[in-house]
C-alpha atoms as a PDB file:
ATOM      1  CA  UNK A   1      -0.023   0.028  -0.016  1.00  0.00           C
ATOM      2  CA  UNK A   2       1.293   3.460  -0.934  1.00  0.00           C
ATOM      3  CA  UNK A   3       0.965   6.154   1.649  1.00  0.00           C
ATOM      4  CA  UNK A   4       0.544   9.669   0.146  1.00  0.00           C
ATOM      5  CA  UNK A   5       1.088  12.923   2.104  1.00  0.00           C
ATOM      6  CA  UNK A   6      -1.388  15.732   1.796  1.00  0.00           C
ATOM      7  CA  UNK A   7       0.992  17.626  -0.432  1.00  0.00           C
ATOM      8  CA  UNK A   8       1.404  14.642  -2.660  1.00  0.00           C
ATOM      9  CA  UNK A   9      -2.300  14.204  -2.992  1.00  0.00           C
ATOM     10  CA  UNK A  10      -2.749  17.851  -3.739  1.00  0.00           C
ATOM     11  CA  UNK A  11      -0.121  17.661  -6.402  1.00  0.00           C
ATOM     12  CA  UNK A  12      -1.704  14.522  -7.962  1.00  0.00           C
ATOM     13  CA  UNK A  13      -5.050  16.274  -7.897  1.00  0.00           C
ATOM     14  CA  UNK A  14      -3.601  19.396  -9.573  1.00  0.00           C
ATOM     15  CA  UNK A  15      -1.893  17.360 -12.251  1.00  0.00           C
ATOM     16  CA  UNK A  16      -4.853  15.055 -12.819  1.00  0.00           C
ATOM     17  CA  UNK A  17      -7.212  17.978 -13.231  1.00  0.00           C
ATOM     18  CA  UNK A  18      -4.867  19.497 -15.857  1.00  0.00           C
ATOM     19  CA  UNK A  19      -4.568  16.231 -17.684  1.00  0.00           C
ATOM     20  CA  UNK A  20      -8.335  15.905 -18.014  1.00  0.00           C
ATOM     21  CA  UNK A  21      -9.019  19.559 -19.075  1.00  0.00           C
ATOM     22  CA  UNK A  22      -5.763  19.750 -21.143  1.00  0.00           C
ATOM     23  CA  UNK A  23      -7.420  17.656 -23.942  1.00  0.00           C
ATOM     24  CA  UNK A  24      -9.330  20.749 -25.113  1.00  0.00           C
ATOM     25  CA  UNK A  25      -6.270  23.034 -24.983  1.00  0.00           C
ATOM     26  CA  UNK A  26      -4.098  24.246 -27.778  1.00  0.00           C
ATOM     27  CA  UNK A  27      -0.307  23.421 -27.786  1.00  0.00           C
ATOM     28  CA  UNK A  28       0.782  26.686 -26.300  1.00  0.00           C
ATOM     29  CA  UNK A  29      -2.057  26.423 -23.644  1.00  0.00           C
ATOM     30  CA  UNK A  30      -0.794  22.998 -22.647  1.00  0.00           C
ATOM     31  CA  UNK A  31       2.686  24.307 -22.322  1.00  0.00           C
ATOM     32  CA  UNK A  32       1.335  27.203 -20.206  1.00  0.00           C
ATOM     33  CA  UNK A  33      -0.486  24.703 -17.983  1.00  0.00           C
ATOM     34  CA  UNK A  34       2.920  23.009 -17.358  1.00  0.00           C
ATOM     35  CA  UNK A  35       4.478  26.240 -16.670  1.00  0.00           C
ATOM     36  CA  UNK A  36       1.694  27.104 -14.229  1.00  0.00           C
ATOM     37  CA  UNK A  37       2.031  23.741 -12.414  1.00  0.00           C
ATOM     38  CA  UNK A  38       5.650  24.434 -11.897  1.00  0.00           C
ATOM     39  CA  UNK A  39       5.106  27.856 -10.430  1.00  0.00           C
ATOM     40  CA  UNK A  40       2.417  26.432  -8.100  1.00  0.00           C
ATOM     41  CA  UNK A  41       4.909  23.908  -6.833  1.00  0.00           C
ATOM     42  CA  UNK A  42       7.265  26.505  -5.704  1.00  0.00           C
ATOM     43  CA  UNK A  43       5.011  29.137  -4.286  1.00  0.00           C
ATOM     44  CA  UNK A  44       1.663  30.663  -3.729  1.00  0.00           C
ATOM     45  CA  UNK A  45      -0.024  32.587  -6.526  1.00  0.00           C
ATOM     46  CA  UNK A  46      -3.311  34.366  -7.088  1.00  0.00           C
ATOM     47  CA  UNK A  47      -5.181  33.788 -10.274  1.00  0.00           C
ATOM     48  CA  UNK A  48      -4.219  37.181 -11.575  1.00  0.00           C
ATOM     49  CA  UNK A  49      -0.705  36.802 -10.436  1.00  0.00           C
ATOM     50  CA  UNK A  50      -0.307  33.446 -12.038  1.00  0.00           C
ATOM     51  CA  UNK A  51      -1.733  34.668 -15.305  1.00  0.00           C
ATOM     52  CA  UNK A  52       0.461  37.690 -15.223  1.00  0.00           C
ATOM     53  CA  UNK A  53       3.532  35.499 -14.458  1.00  0.00           C
ATOM     54  CA  UNK A  54       2.746  33.385 -17.444  1.00  0.00           C
ATOM     55  CA  UNK A  55       1.865  36.387 -19.889  1.00  0.00           C
ATOM     56  CA  UNK A  56       4.543  38.735 -18.835  1.00  0.00           C
ATOM     57  CA  UNK A  57       7.543  39.343 -21.115  1.00  0.00           C
ATOM     58  CA  UNK A  58       9.545  39.175 -17.809  1.00  0.00           C
ATOM     59  CA  UNK A  59       7.946  35.744 -17.114  1.00  0.00           C
ATOM     60  CA  UNK A  60       7.131  33.173 -19.552  1.00  0.00           C
ATOM     61  CA  UNK A  61       5.776  35.306 -22.438  1.00  0.00           C
ATOM     62  CA  UNK A  62       2.726  33.376 -23.264  1.00  0.00           C
ATOM     63  CA  UNK A  63      -0.124  35.213 -24.984  1.00  0.00           C
ATOM     64  CA  UNK A  64      -2.541  36.516 -22.372  1.00  0.00           C
ATOM     65  CA  UNK A  65      -5.455  34.381 -23.745  1.00  0.00           C
ATOM     66  CA  UNK A  66      -3.227  31.338 -23.642  1.00  0.00           C
ATOM     67  CA  UNK A  67      -2.227  32.007 -20.049  1.00  0.00           C
ATOM     68  CA  UNK A  68      -5.727  32.590 -18.993  1.00  0.00           C
ATOM     69  CA  UNK A  69      -7.165  29.526 -20.544  1.00  0.00           C
ATOM     70  CA  UNK A  70      -4.313  27.424 -18.942  1.00  0.00           C
ATOM     71  CA  UNK A  71      -4.884  28.888 -15.425  1.00  0.00           C
ATOM     72  CA  UNK A  72      -8.677  28.494 -15.797  1.00  0.00           C
ATOM     73  CA  UNK A  73      -8.356  24.936 -16.906  1.00  0.00           C
ATOM     74  CA  UNK A  74      -6.740  23.987 -13.517  1.00  0.00           C
ATOM     75  CA  UNK A  75      -8.628  23.241 -10.360  1.00  0.00           C
ATOM     76  CA  UNK A  76      -6.815  25.586  -7.873  1.00  0.00           C
ATOM     77  CA  UNK A  77      -7.866  26.453  -4.351  1.00  0.00           C
ATOM     78  CA  UNK A  78      -7.189  30.250  -4.374  1.00  0.00           C
ATOM     79  CA  UNK A  79      -7.704  30.428  -0.542  1.00  0.00           C
ATOM     80  CA  UNK A  80      -5.001  27.900  -0.048  1.00  0.00           C
ATOM     81  CA  UNK A  81      -2.800  29.673  -2.431  1.00  0.00           C
ATOM     82  CA  UNK A  82      -3.387  32.778  -0.323  1.00  0.00           C
ATOM     83  CA  UNK A  83      -2.333  30.917   2.854  1.00  0.00           C
ATOM     84  CA  UNK A  84       0.783  29.622   1.099  1.00  0.00           C
ATOM     85  CA  UNK A  85       1.771  33.104   0.086  1.00  0.00           C
ATOM     86  CA  UNK A  86       0.972  34.514   3.364  1.00  0.00           C
ATOM     87  CA  UNK A  87       3.195  32.044   5.013  1.00  0.00           C
ATOM     88  CA  UNK A  88       6.048  32.770   2.649  1.00  0.00           C
ATOM     89  CA  UNK A  89       5.763  36.550   3.379  1.00  0.00           C
ATOM     90  CA  UNK A  90       5.775  35.788   7.095  1.00  0.00           C
ATOM     91  CA  UNK A  91       8.861  33.663   6.847  1.00  0.00           C
ATOM     92  CA  UNK A  92      10.788  36.567   5.332  1.00  0.00           C
ATOM     93  CA  UNK A  93       9.514  39.416   7.668  1.00  0.00           C
ATOM     94  CA  UNK A  94       6.902  40.493  10.220  1.00  0.00           C
ATOM     95  CA  UNK A  95       3.573  41.746   9.047  1.00  0.00           C
ATOM     96  CA  UNK A  96       0.533  43.085  10.956  1.00  0.00           C
ATOM     97  CA  UNK A  97      -2.804  41.449  10.137  1.00  0.00           C
ATOM     98  CA  UNK A  98      -3.738  44.556   8.019  1.00  0.00           C
ATOM     99  CA  UNK A  99      -0.390  44.872   6.470  1.00  0.00           C
ATOM    100  CA  UNK A 100      -0.294  41.295   5.287  1.00  0.00           C
ATOM    101  CA  UNK A 101      -3.815  41.594   3.938  1.00  0.00           C
ATOM    102  CA  UNK A 102      -2.708  44.671   2.000  1.00  0.00           C
ATOM    103  CA  UNK A 103       0.352  42.941   0.701  1.00  0.00           C
ATOM    104  CA  UNK A 104      -1.647  39.922  -0.480  1.00  0.00           C
ATOM    105  CA  UNK A 105      -4.417  41.961  -2.131  1.00  0.00           C
ATOM    106  CA  UNK A 106      -2.067  44.732  -3.517  1.00  0.00           C
ATOM    107  CA  UNK A 107      -1.937  45.108  -7.357  1.00  0.00           C
ATOM    108  CA  UNK A 108       1.902  45.148  -6.868  1.00  0.00           C
ATOM    109  CA  UNK A 109       1.789  42.354  -4.298  1.00  0.00           C
ATOM    110  CA  UNK A 110      -0.099  39.092  -4.395  1.00  0.00           C
ATOM    111  CA  UNK A 111      -3.121  40.318  -6.340  1.00  0.00           C
ATOM    112  CA  UNK A 112      -5.693  38.194  -4.368  1.00  0.00           C
ATOM    113  CA  UNK A 113      -9.081  39.287  -3.804  1.00  0.00           C
ATOM    114  CA  UNK A 114      -9.666  40.915  -0.428  1.00  0.00           C
ATOM    115  CA  UNK A 115     -11.558  37.927   0.760  1.00  0.00           C
ATOM    116  CA  UNK A 116      -8.760  35.510  -0.243  1.00  0.00           C
ATOM    117  CA  UNK A 117      -6.075  37.849   1.206  1.00  0.00           C
ATOM    118  CA  UNK A 118      -7.963  37.974   4.552  1.00  0.00           C
ATOM    119  CA  UNK A 119      -8.321  34.269   4.634  1.00  0.00           C
ATOM    120  CA  UNK A 120      -4.656  33.771   3.927  1.00  0.00           C
ATOM    121  CA  UNK A 121      -3.574  36.242   6.609  1.00  0.00           C
ATOM    122  CA  UNK A 122      -5.881  34.673   9.135  1.00  0.00           C
ATOM    123  CA  UNK A 123      -4.882  31.037   8.435  1.00  0.00           C
ATOM    124  CA  UNK A 124      -1.168  31.991   8.401  1.00  0.00           C
ATOM    125  CA  UNK A 125      -1.503  33.315  11.933  1.00  0.00           C
ATOM    126  CA  UNK A 126      -1.080  37.074  11.310  1.00  0.00           C
ATOM    127  CA  UNK A 127      -4.500  37.981  12.639  1.00  0.00           C
END
């Protein structure tokens, strides 16, 4: 019997979701899915932040439509992503509850919705 950790189950779920939905994607969109999955393995991203990372000329340079289709084809818990990024921020420096919510929801920060940012800050222990 194989015992899987929660992280492994989440990764298999993420990869499995992309394999099923990737059947309807173009070649560039499938590549963008693979890039998105790589980014999600290393850190927390909001939907907007992940799309921007994939589409940015400083990131992967995918067309915005391809990056959006790729991200939207994945089953991602954005609240959990907010918690992950909140924990990353807190591992680097201290934040007040409101400061972390602002950082997570800022257009130059995490780009999460206010609700997602609040959830992330609360679950990470800043509030």
